[in-house]
Protein backbone atom coordinates (compact mmCIF):
# COMPACT_ATOMS: atom_id res chain seq x y z
CA MET A 1 -6.33 23.62 17.94
CA ASP A 2 -3.07 25.25 17.77
CA GLN A 3 0.04 23.46 18.64
CA VAL A 4 1.51 25.63 21.98
CA ILE A 5 4.40 25.57 24.13
CA ASP A 6 4.60 23.16 27.10
CA GLU A 7 3.77 25.78 30.33
CA PRO A 8 1.37 25.19 33.20
CA GLY A 9 -2.32 24.23 32.29
CA PRO A 10 -3.84 27.27 33.22
CA LEU A 11 -1.28 29.45 31.31
CA ARG A 12 -1.76 27.37 27.89
CA GLY A 13 -5.78 26.84 28.00
CA LEU A 14 -5.74 30.90 28.32
CA ARG A 15 -3.29 31.23 25.57
CA TRP A 16 -5.33 29.38 23.17
CA LEU A 17 -8.26 31.06 23.99
CA LEU A 18 -6.82 34.58 24.03
CA ASN A 19 -5.30 33.46 20.18
CA GLN A 20 -9.17 32.01 19.39
CA VAL A 21 -10.39 35.35 20.33
CA SER A 22 -8.16 37.62 18.57
CA ARG A 23 -8.57 35.31 15.04
CA ARG A 24 -12.80 36.26 15.85
CA LEU A 25 -11.94 40.13 16.57
CA TYR A 26 -9.92 40.39 13.37
CA SER A 27 -12.85 37.81 11.15
CA GLY A 28 -13.49 41.07 8.87
CA THR A 29 -17.07 41.79 11.93
CA SER A 30 -17.81 44.31 13.69
CA ARG A 31 -16.46 43.12 17.06
CA LYS A 32 -14.41 45.65 19.19
CA GLN A 33 -10.89 45.96 18.14
CA CYS A 34 -8.23 43.80 20.71
CA VAL A 35 -6.53 45.04 23.21
CA PRO A 36 -2.40 45.77 22.45
CA MET A 37 -1.33 42.39 24.61
CA SER A 38 1.68 42.43 27.24
CA ASN A 39 3.28 39.80 27.74
CA PRO A 40 1.30 38.05 30.84
CA THR A 41 3.15 36.55 33.47
CA THR A 42 -0.06 34.98 35.16
CA ALA A 43 -3.72 33.62 33.76
CA VAL A 44 -5.52 36.48 35.49
CA GLN A 45 -3.44 38.26 33.62
CA LEU A 46 -3.89 37.08 30.31
CA VAL A 47 -7.61 37.05 30.46
CA MET A 48 -7.03 40.50 31.52
CA ASP A 49 -5.26 41.70 28.51
CA MET A 50 -8.46 40.59 26.24
CA GLY A 51 -10.23 43.90 28.15
CA PHE A 52 -11.64 42.05 30.74
CA SER A 53 -11.58 43.16 34.51
CA GLN A 54 -9.95 40.97 37.56
CA ALA A 55 -13.24 40.16 39.25
CA HIS A 56 -13.74 38.94 35.59
CA ALA A 57 -10.25 37.27 34.90
CA GLU A 58 -10.83 35.53 38.33
CA LEU A 59 -14.30 34.01 37.45
CA ALA A 60 -13.02 33.24 34.21
CA LEU A 61 -10.39 30.20 35.83
CA MET A 62 -12.87 28.97 37.66
CA GLN A 63 -15.04 27.79 35.04
CA PRO A 64 -14.71 24.36 34.77
CA LYS A 65 -15.75 24.52 31.24
CA THR A 66 -13.97 23.19 28.14
CA ALA A 67 -11.09 25.85 26.06
CA GLU A 68 -14.24 26.39 23.49
CA GLU A 69 -16.49 26.42 26.07
CA ALA A 70 -14.78 29.47 28.30
CA CYS A 71 -14.15 31.20 25.01
CA ASP A 72 -18.05 31.08 23.96
CA TRP A 73 -18.56 32.48 28.53
CA LEU A 74 -15.64 35.30 28.06
CA TRP A 75 -16.72 36.29 24.33
CA LEU A 76 -20.84 36.85 25.06
CA ARG A 77 -19.14 38.86 28.37
CA LEU A 78 -16.40 40.83 25.60
CA GLU A 79 -19.76 41.34 23.69
CA GLY A 80 -22.17 43.12 27.00
CA GLU A 81 -24.54 39.91 26.07
CA PRO A 82 -26.90 39.23 29.05
CA GLU A 83 -26.42 36.21 31.61
CA SER A 84 -29.53 34.14 30.56
CA ASP A 85 -27.76 33.39 26.94
CA LEU A 86 -25.07 32.14 28.69
CA PRO A 87 -23.84 28.55 27.07
CA SER A 88 -25.61 25.61 29.95
CA VAL A 89 -23.84 22.50 31.20
CA GLU A 90 -25.47 19.26 32.19
CA GLY A 91 -27.47 19.30 34.49
CA GLU A 92 -29.10 21.98 36.57
CA PRO A 93 -28.26 24.92 33.93
CA ALA A 94 -26.06 27.62 36.03
CA ALA A 95 -28.40 30.62 34.84
CA GLN A 96 -30.51 29.03 37.49
CA LEU A 97 -28.71 28.63 40.37
CA THR A 98 -28.19 31.24 43.10
CA ILE A 99 -26.41 31.92 46.16
CA SER A 100 -27.23 34.44 49.52
CA ARG A 101 -25.30 37.62 49.59
CA ALA A 102 -24.67 35.34 53.64
CA LEU A 103 -23.15 32.86 51.82
CA ALA A 104 -20.91 34.81 49.63
CA ASP A 105 -19.97 36.73 52.53
CA ARG A 106 -18.86 33.05 53.72
CA CYS A 107 -17.09 31.62 51.09
CA SER A 108 -13.94 31.92 48.50
CA VAL A 109 -16.14 31.53 45.53
CA GLY A 110 -18.38 34.63 46.45
CA SER A 111 -15.60 36.79 47.28
CA VAL A 112 -15.46 37.16 43.39
CA LEU A 113 -19.17 37.52 42.90
CA LEU A 114 -19.63 40.16 45.22
CA GLU A 115 -17.45 42.59 42.80
CA LEU A 116 -19.45 41.32 40.35
CA TYR A 117 -23.12 42.15 41.93
CA PRO A 118 -21.65 44.58 44.29
CA HIS A 119 -25.64 45.60 44.96
CA GLY A 120 -28.99 43.92 44.14
CA ASP A 121 -31.16 46.35 40.63
CA ASP A 122 -34.02 44.57 42.42
CA ASP A 123 -35.39 42.44 45.52
CA THR A 124 -34.15 39.33 44.20
CA MET A 125 -30.60 40.30 43.64
CA ALA A 126 -30.80 42.34 46.69
CA THR A 127 -30.41 39.34 48.50
CA ARG A 128 -29.21 36.90 45.26
CA ILE A 129 -26.31 36.38 43.15
CA PRO A 130 -26.24 34.10 40.15
CA LEU A 131 -23.82 31.54 40.49
CA THR A 132 -22.31 31.36 37.27
CA GLY A 133 -20.16 29.07 35.79
CA ALA A 134 -20.41 25.96 38.39
CA PRO A 135 -19.96 22.33 37.89
CA ASP A 136 -22.35 19.91 36.67
CA THR A 137 -21.61 18.56 40.59
CA VAL A 138 -23.07 21.24 42.11
CA THR A 139 -27.32 21.42 42.29
CA LYS A 140 -29.60 23.05 43.71
CA SER A 141 -29.89 20.86 46.44
CA GLY A 142 -26.34 21.03 47.53
CA VAL A 143 -26.42 25.06 47.82
CA ALA A 144 -29.62 25.34 48.78
CA VAL A 145 -28.19 23.17 52.45
CA VAL A 146 -24.81 25.97 52.09
CA ASP A 147 -27.31 28.13 52.24
CA ALA A 148 -29.42 27.43 54.99
CA TRP A 149 -26.12 26.89 57.03
CA ALA A 150 -25.07 30.47 56.07
CA LEU A 151 -28.46 32.62 56.64
CA LEU A 152 -28.73 30.25 60.13
CA GLU A 153 -25.37 31.00 61.23
CA GLN A 154 -25.01 35.07 60.08
CA SER A 155 -28.58 35.26 62.10
CA ARG A 156 -27.10 33.51 65.24
CA SER A 157 -26.13 35.28 68.51
CA ILE A 158 -22.43 34.06 69.74
CA ALA A 159 -22.84 31.76 72.18
CA ASP A 160 -25.97 30.51 70.56
CA TRP A 161 -25.75 27.15 68.56
CA ALA A 162 -29.62 26.07 69.29
CA TRP A 163 -30.07 25.21 65.89
CA VAL A 164 -27.04 23.01 64.65
CA PRO A 165 -29.00 19.58 65.84
CA LEU A 166 -31.80 21.11 64.34
CA PHE A 167 -30.25 22.01 60.99
CA ILE A 168 -28.14 18.29 60.97
CA ARG A 169 -30.90 16.10 61.22
CA GLN A 170 -32.87 18.31 58.77
CA HIS A 171 -30.41 18.50 56.01
CA ALA A 172 -29.15 14.48 56.49
CA PRO A 173 -30.06 13.15 53.64
CA ARG A 174 -28.26 16.01 51.79
CA PHE A 175 -25.19 16.25 52.64
CA ARG A 176 -23.11 14.60 49.54
CA GLN A 177 -24.90 17.31 48.01
CA ALA A 178 -23.68 19.59 50.43
CA LEU A 179 -19.96 18.46 50.21
CA LEU A 180 -20.00 18.91 46.15
CA ALA A 181 -21.38 22.10 46.32
CA VAL A 182 -19.10 22.91 49.09
CA ASP A 183 -16.00 21.95 47.24
CA TYR A 184 -16.69 24.40 44.28
CA LEU A 185 -17.98 27.22 46.73
CA GLY A 186 -14.97 27.42 49.68
CA CYS A 187 -16.60 26.82 52.21
CA ASP A 188 -14.10 25.07 55.01
CA PRO A 189 -16.59 25.90 58.37
CA VAL A 190 -19.40 23.77 56.02
CA LEU A 191 -17.15 20.90 55.04
CA GLU A 192 -16.32 20.80 58.95
CA LEU A 193 -18.90 20.93 60.13
CA ILE A 194 -20.80 17.60 57.99
CA ALA A 195 -17.70 15.61 58.91
CA ASP A 196 -17.50 16.18 62.13
CA ALA A 197 -21.73 14.75 62.28
CA SER A 198 -21.26 12.50 60.31
CA LEU A 199 -17.91 11.02 62.71
CA LEU A 200 -19.34 11.89 65.64
CA TYR A 201 -22.52 10.21 64.41
CA LEU A 202 -20.76 6.32 63.16
CA VAL A 203 -18.05 6.99 66.16
CA THR A 204 -20.89 6.18 68.77
CA LYS A 205 -23.79 4.63 67.64
CA ALA A 206 -22.20 1.20 68.84
CA SER A 207 -19.05 -0.25 69.68
CA PRO A 208 -15.91 0.17 68.04
CA GLU A 209 -15.88 -3.03 67.67
CA LEU A 210 -19.37 -3.44 65.94
CA MET A 211 -18.41 -0.07 63.86
CA ILE A 212 -15.64 -1.28 62.75
CA ALA A 213 -16.99 -4.79 61.30
CA SER A 214 -20.37 -2.75 59.87
CA LEU A 215 -17.98 -0.08 57.43
CA ALA A 216 -14.89 -3.58 56.68
CA SER A 217 -18.51 -5.57 55.28
CA GLY A 218 -18.95 -2.57 52.94
CA ASN A 219 -22.04 -1.12 54.83
CA THR A 220 -22.69 2.40 53.96
CA PRO A 221 -24.57 4.62 56.73
CA LYS A 222 -27.07 5.96 56.21
CA PHE A 223 -27.97 9.98 55.84
CA SER A 224 -32.08 9.80 57.01
CA THR A 225 -33.89 12.12 58.13
CA ARG A 226 -33.71 9.65 61.95
CA PHE A 227 -29.83 10.67 61.71
CA GLY A 228 -28.21 11.48 64.37
CA GLU A 229 -30.60 10.82 67.82
CA GLY A 230 -29.27 10.33 70.51
CA VAL A 231 -26.26 12.55 69.90
CA ASP A 232 -25.56 15.55 71.14
CA PHE A 233 -24.44 18.14 68.14
CA CYS A 234 -23.92 21.35 69.58
CA THR A 235 -20.55 19.75 71.86
CA LEU A 236 -19.00 19.92 68.82
CA PRO A 237 -15.83 20.50 67.81
CA SER A 238 -16.81 22.80 65.05
CA CYS A 239 -19.64 24.47 67.19
CA VAL A 240 -17.11 25.62 69.13
CA ASN A 241 -15.14 27.26 66.50
CA SER A 242 -11.80 24.19 68.36
CA LYS A 243 -9.33 23.63 65.53
CA ASP A 244 -7.06 21.75 67.07
CA GLY A 245 -8.83 19.09 69.08
CA PRO A 246 -11.71 18.69 71.46
CA ALA A 247 -13.76 21.25 72.88
CA GLU A 248 -12.03 22.98 76.01
CA GLY A 249 -13.23 21.14 78.78
CA GLY A 250 -14.73 17.61 77.08
CA GLN A 251 -13.59 14.56 76.99
CA THR A 252 -11.94 11.93 75.12
CA LEU A 253 -14.75 10.62 72.23
CA VAL A 254 -12.81 7.02 72.61
CA CYS A 255 -9.78 5.48 72.76
CA LEU A 256 -8.87 2.83 69.80
CA SER A 257 -6.16 0.20 69.36
CA GLN A 258 -3.33 1.00 66.73
CA ALA A 259 -5.15 -1.71 64.79
CA GLN A 260 -8.54 -0.56 65.50
CA PHE A 261 -8.19 3.13 64.02
CA ASP A 262 -6.49 1.50 61.49
CA ALA A 263 -9.26 -0.72 60.22
CA LEU A 264 -11.59 2.11 61.09
CA VAL A 265 -10.20 4.86 59.23
CA GLN A 266 -9.46 2.19 56.43
CA GLY A 267 -13.59 0.73 56.38
CA ILE A 268 -14.36 4.82 56.23
CA VAL A 269 -12.08 5.52 53.20
CA ALA A 270 -13.75 2.41 51.91
CA CYS A 271 -17.47 3.01 52.33
CA ASN A 272 -17.47 5.90 50.52
CA LEU A 273 -19.15 8.22 53.89
CA LEU A 274 -18.87 11.23 51.85
CA PRO A 275 -17.29 12.69 49.05
CA CYS A 276 -14.29 14.56 51.75
CA PRO A 277 -10.19 14.43 51.02
CA PHE A 278 -9.38 11.63 52.98
CA GLU A 279 -7.48 14.43 54.98
CA VAL A 280 -10.29 16.11 55.92
CA LEU A 281 -11.82 13.04 57.64
CA LEU A 282 -8.97 12.28 59.04
CA ARG A 283 -8.78 15.64 60.89
CA SER A 284 -12.09 15.47 61.54
CA LEU A 285 -11.59 12.13 64.24
CA LYS A 286 -8.81 14.40 65.25
CA ARG A 287 -11.15 17.21 66.57
CA LEU A 288 -13.57 15.13 67.60
CA GLY A 289 -11.06 13.16 70.14
CA VAL A 290 -10.07 9.99 68.90
CA CYS A 291 -7.16 8.63 69.86
CA ILE A 292 -4.68 5.64 70.12
CA ARG A 293 -4.78 3.99 72.44
CA VAL A 294 -1.53 1.57 74.08
CA GLU A 295 -1.51 -0.33 77.01
CA ALA A 296 0.39 -2.90 79.70
CA ALA A 297 -1.13 -5.07 82.30
CA HIS A 298 -0.28 -7.76 84.76
CA ALA A 299 -3.34 -8.84 86.38
CA ALA A 300 -1.72 -11.94 88.89
CA GLU A 301 -1.69 -10.95 92.69
CA ILE A 302 2.03 -9.99 93.84
CA HIS A 303 3.24 -9.32 98.21
CA LEU A 304 6.67 -7.58 98.11
CA GLN A 305 8.83 -7.30 100.56
CA ASN A 306 12.12 -4.07 101.29
CA ALA A 307 11.07 -4.03 96.90
CA ASN A 308 11.21 -1.09 94.63
CA GLN A 309 10.58 -2.88 91.57
CA VAL A 310 8.97 -2.14 87.79
CA HIS A 311 5.49 -3.83 87.97
CA VAL A 312 4.04 -2.81 84.78
CA SER A 313 6.63 -0.50 82.00
CA ILE A 314 4.73 0.23 78.69
CA GLN A 315 7.20 1.64 75.52
CA LEU A 316 6.46 4.18 73.92
CA PRO A 317 5.31 5.57 70.56
CA PRO A 318 7.83 6.92 68.16
CA PRO A 319 8.85 10.73 69.41
CA GLY A 320 6.31 13.28 67.98
CA HIS A 321 3.67 10.97 68.89
CA ARG A 322 1.74 13.23 71.27
CA ILE A 323 0.83 12.17 74.45
CA THR A 324 -2.68 13.28 75.64
CA ARG A 325 -3.27 10.86 78.80
CA VAL A 326 -1.92 8.32 81.51
CA THR A 327 -3.48 6.36 83.01
CA VAL A 328 -2.10 3.48 86.29
CA GLU A 329 -4.50 1.11 87.68
CA ALA A 330 -4.20 -1.32 90.55
CA GLU A 331 -5.59 -3.10 93.69
CA SER A 332 -3.08 -3.23 95.93
CA HIS A 333 -3.52 -2.99 100.09
CA ASP A 334 -0.29 -3.25 103.01
CA GLN A 335 0.16 -5.95 105.39
CA GLY A 336 -2.67 -5.45 107.53
CA TRP A 337 -0.99 -5.03 111.27
CA SER A 338 1.55 -2.44 112.68
CA SER A 339 3.15 -1.45 116.03
CA TYR A 340 1.56 2.37 115.30
CA GLU A 341 -2.64 1.78 116.20
CA GLU A 342 -3.14 5.35 116.04
CA ASP A 343 -2.01 5.51 112.36
CA TYR A 344 -4.42 2.58 111.47
CA GLY A 345 -6.92 3.19 108.92
CA THR A 346 -4.80 6.73 108.28
CA PHE A 347 -2.12 7.31 105.47
CA ARG A 348 0.69 8.17 108.13
CA ASN A 349 3.79 6.86 108.30
CA SER A 350 2.50 4.42 105.43
CA TRP A 351 5.13 2.42 103.54
CA THR A 352 4.05 1.02 101.02
CA PHE A 353 3.37 2.80 97.93
CA ALA A 354 3.98 3.20 93.84
CA ASP A 355 6.39 5.56 91.81
CA LEU A 356 6.08 6.08 88.15
CA THR A 357 9.05 6.36 86.30
CA VAL A 358 10.26 7.33 82.81
CA THR A 359 13.19 6.65 81.27
CA THR A 360 14.80 4.92 77.75
CA PRO A 361 13.96 1.11 76.52
CA HIS A 362 18.63 0.44 77.02
CA ALA A 363 19.29 2.01 80.65
CA ALA A 364 21.42 0.30 83.03
CA PRO A 365 19.24 -0.67 86.51
CA ASP A 366 21.47 1.62 88.22
CA THR A 367 20.57 4.37 85.68
CA PRO A 368 18.52 7.38 87.29
CA ALA A 369 15.46 7.46 85.11
CA LEU A 370 14.68 10.72 83.55
CA PHE A 371 11.54 11.64 85.42
CA ARG A 372 10.63 11.04 88.55
CA LEU A 373 7.18 10.60 90.66
CA ASP A 374 7.14 9.43 94.03
CA ARG A 375 4.31 8.22 95.62
CA ILE A 376 1.85 8.40 93.31
CA TYR A 377 -0.67 6.46 95.04
CA THR A 378 -0.26 5.33 99.08
CA ASN A 379 -2.37 2.71 100.49
CA ARG A 380 -3.45 3.27 104.09
CA HIS A 381 -1.74 2.19 106.46
CA ALA A 382 -2.59 -1.43 108.13
CA ASP A 383 -5.45 -2.17 106.19
CA HIS A 384 -6.10 -5.73 104.76
CA LYS A 385 -8.67 -4.87 102.17
CA TRP A 386 -8.11 -4.11 98.59
CA GLN A 387 -7.83 -0.82 97.57
CA GLN A 388 -8.81 0.41 94.01
CA GLN A 389 -6.10 2.48 92.84
CA ARG A 390 -6.71 4.71 89.44
CA VAL A 391 -4.00 8.47 88.69
CA VAL A 392 -4.85 9.63 85.94
CA PHE A 393 -2.08 12.35 84.35
CA ALA A 394 -3.95 14.39 80.97
CA ALA A 395 -2.44 16.66 79.51
CA GLY A 396 -0.74 19.76 80.43
CA SER A 397 0.93 17.74 83.63
CA PRO A 398 4.63 17.53 84.33
CA LEU A 399 4.17 13.65 83.46
CA VAL A 400 2.47 14.23 80.02
CA GLU A 401 5.00 18.09 79.62
CA PHE A 402 7.64 15.84 80.11
CA ILE A 403 7.07 12.85 77.52
CA ASN A 404 5.93 15.54 74.59
CA ALA A 405 8.95 17.68 75.76
CA HIS A 406 10.68 14.38 74.12
CA VAL A 407 11.44 15.58 70.55
CA ALA A 408 13.96 13.29 69.11
CA GLY A 409 16.42 10.02 70.11
CA GLU A 410 14.41 6.72 71.29
CA PRO A 411 11.03 6.50 72.77
CA LEU A 412 10.26 6.25 75.91
CA VAL A 413 9.59 3.76 78.35
CA VAL A 414 6.77 4.42 81.72
CA GLU A 415 7.81 2.48 84.86
CA PHE A 416 4.85 1.62 87.19
CA ARG A 417 7.02 0.63 90.87
CA VAL A 418 5.78 -1.54 93.52
CA ARG A 419 7.49 0.03 96.90
CA ALA A 420 7.81 -1.40 99.87
CA MET A 421 10.25 0.24 102.89
CA PHE A 422 12.06 -1.08 106.04
CA PRO A 423 10.78 -4.67 107.53
CA GLY A 424 7.46 -5.96 108.92
CA TRP A 425 6.24 -3.64 105.43
CA ARG A 426 4.55 -5.40 102.40
CA HIS A 427 2.78 -4.30 99.57
CA CYS A 428 0.45 -6.56 97.76
CA VAL A 429 -0.54 -5.68 93.89
CA ARG A 430 -3.14 -7.26 91.32
CA GLN A 431 -4.67 -6.17 88.27
CA ALA A 432 -2.50 -3.72 88.03
CA LYS A 433 -2.46 -1.39 84.44
CA LEU A 434 -0.85 1.18 82.58
CA THR A 435 -2.64 3.07 79.96
CA VAL A 436 -1.00 5.73 77.52
CA ASP A 437 -2.56 7.85 75.01
CA HIS A 438 -1.90 9.78 71.92
CA GLU A 439 -2.77 11.36 69.33
CA PHE A 440 -2.87 9.89 65.94
CA LEU A 441 -0.88 11.08 63.15
CA LEU A 442 -1.43 12.02 59.48
CA PRO A 443 0.44 11.53 56.27
CA ARG A 444 3.23 13.64 55.39
CA MET A 445 2.87 14.87 51.31
CA ASN A 446 0.81 12.97 49.03
CA ASP A 447 0.65 9.53 50.69
CA GLN A 448 -3.59 9.80 51.42
CA SER A 449 -3.72 5.32 51.17
CA PRO A 450 -5.90 3.67 54.02
CA GLU A 451 -2.10 1.83 53.32
CA SER A 452 0.01 4.25 54.98
CA LEU A 453 -2.34 5.08 58.26
CA SER A 454 0.37 2.61 60.18
CA HIS A 455 3.38 4.56 61.22
CA ASP A 456 5.36 1.13 62.32
CA GLY A 457 8.79 1.36 60.46
CA ARG A 458 7.42 4.12 58.34
CA PRO A 459 7.24 6.87 61.23
CA GLN A 460 9.14 9.46 58.69
CA LEU A 461 5.34 9.37 56.25
CA TRP A 462 3.88 10.67 59.27
CA ALA A 463 3.36 14.19 60.61
CA HIS A 464 1.25 16.10 62.92
CA VAL A 465 -1.91 18.39 62.87
């Protein structure tokens, strides 16, 4: 091979190819004359300088073959030889692979193929297009799965996703082949649907502890015809075109501790669940509603009078971690009597309650809170029975909005404060717990190793999806 200058791979390979074609053009045979070459600056322009159309040039750049095979591929088209005479690659011959026009309309490779085959010359070509130049990893069975999705998606009504569960279960055994085809075709909706379905099944079929232990032992889930039994695939975020998280109105799928989440993702990567990029699997977990949960608790029973005391507090993750939910839980009651019998059993004139405040880790005790919510719950007046308290602040609430607006500086601290005002009033509390759910982060740049999953000590490596 001739020595070439140091330049990007596609240009270097195509310059060599143009050199070989030029030699053959001027070899003394009855070949066509070479089109005068301009000063090409892109690989596409370089191929077009050989006399090919832009569509042919773009298709040639997708060839996964060696330079000599690519030379033959382009040479046959320069000579006008039929498609059936093209050299084949190992595995299934490229000429035997076809895709439906429905799939061509929905994948990046298809846009080039539609330019090459704008309309069919016979009944077959009217609905099918030859898929030339596919690597040997792309099989007929894998293409068939993606084709089936395209045809079903084309025929469905806007709100009708009833075919999704049947499609998933029918084609689950060929998910891996389908993803290899998707990688070549460029069809993100299929990639998302398969990744979401696979991970939804994985994280709902067992408790997090059993699931993580199974993955850690190297057990790869089997995609059989019984795949996904008992899972409602119609709720998949891919089905409702949700790119930024769980479907609107949907529930969080599962909340894991940071250690559990790290173990889960490391297990998914280690067992080679799907031939997907690492980031695709993490994005799927995010769309499904998998989140990180941190919590603090105080189980012991306390009795407080004239109190404004922090009972449970929790330090939030570093700024930038989006909070999705804050939950306060406790069992509580007051002293069980008062001089106002007309208010017994009501919330009138009740002076035992709880507040929620947001501050910073090193704030002095007398420093005003950055954010405050008064009376997140109030005990019933003069009732000595334990009352179950549970208050949830979801995404969009003033508390969560305030926390998420804090994007720099020290981490924030959320405090659960027990209050009792005026003499005689006593606040009794037990089983208190403060829980914070937040979205996980994805590795920034190219740090895609499982070891990069923990943000502790390395927040600069993480960025939101």
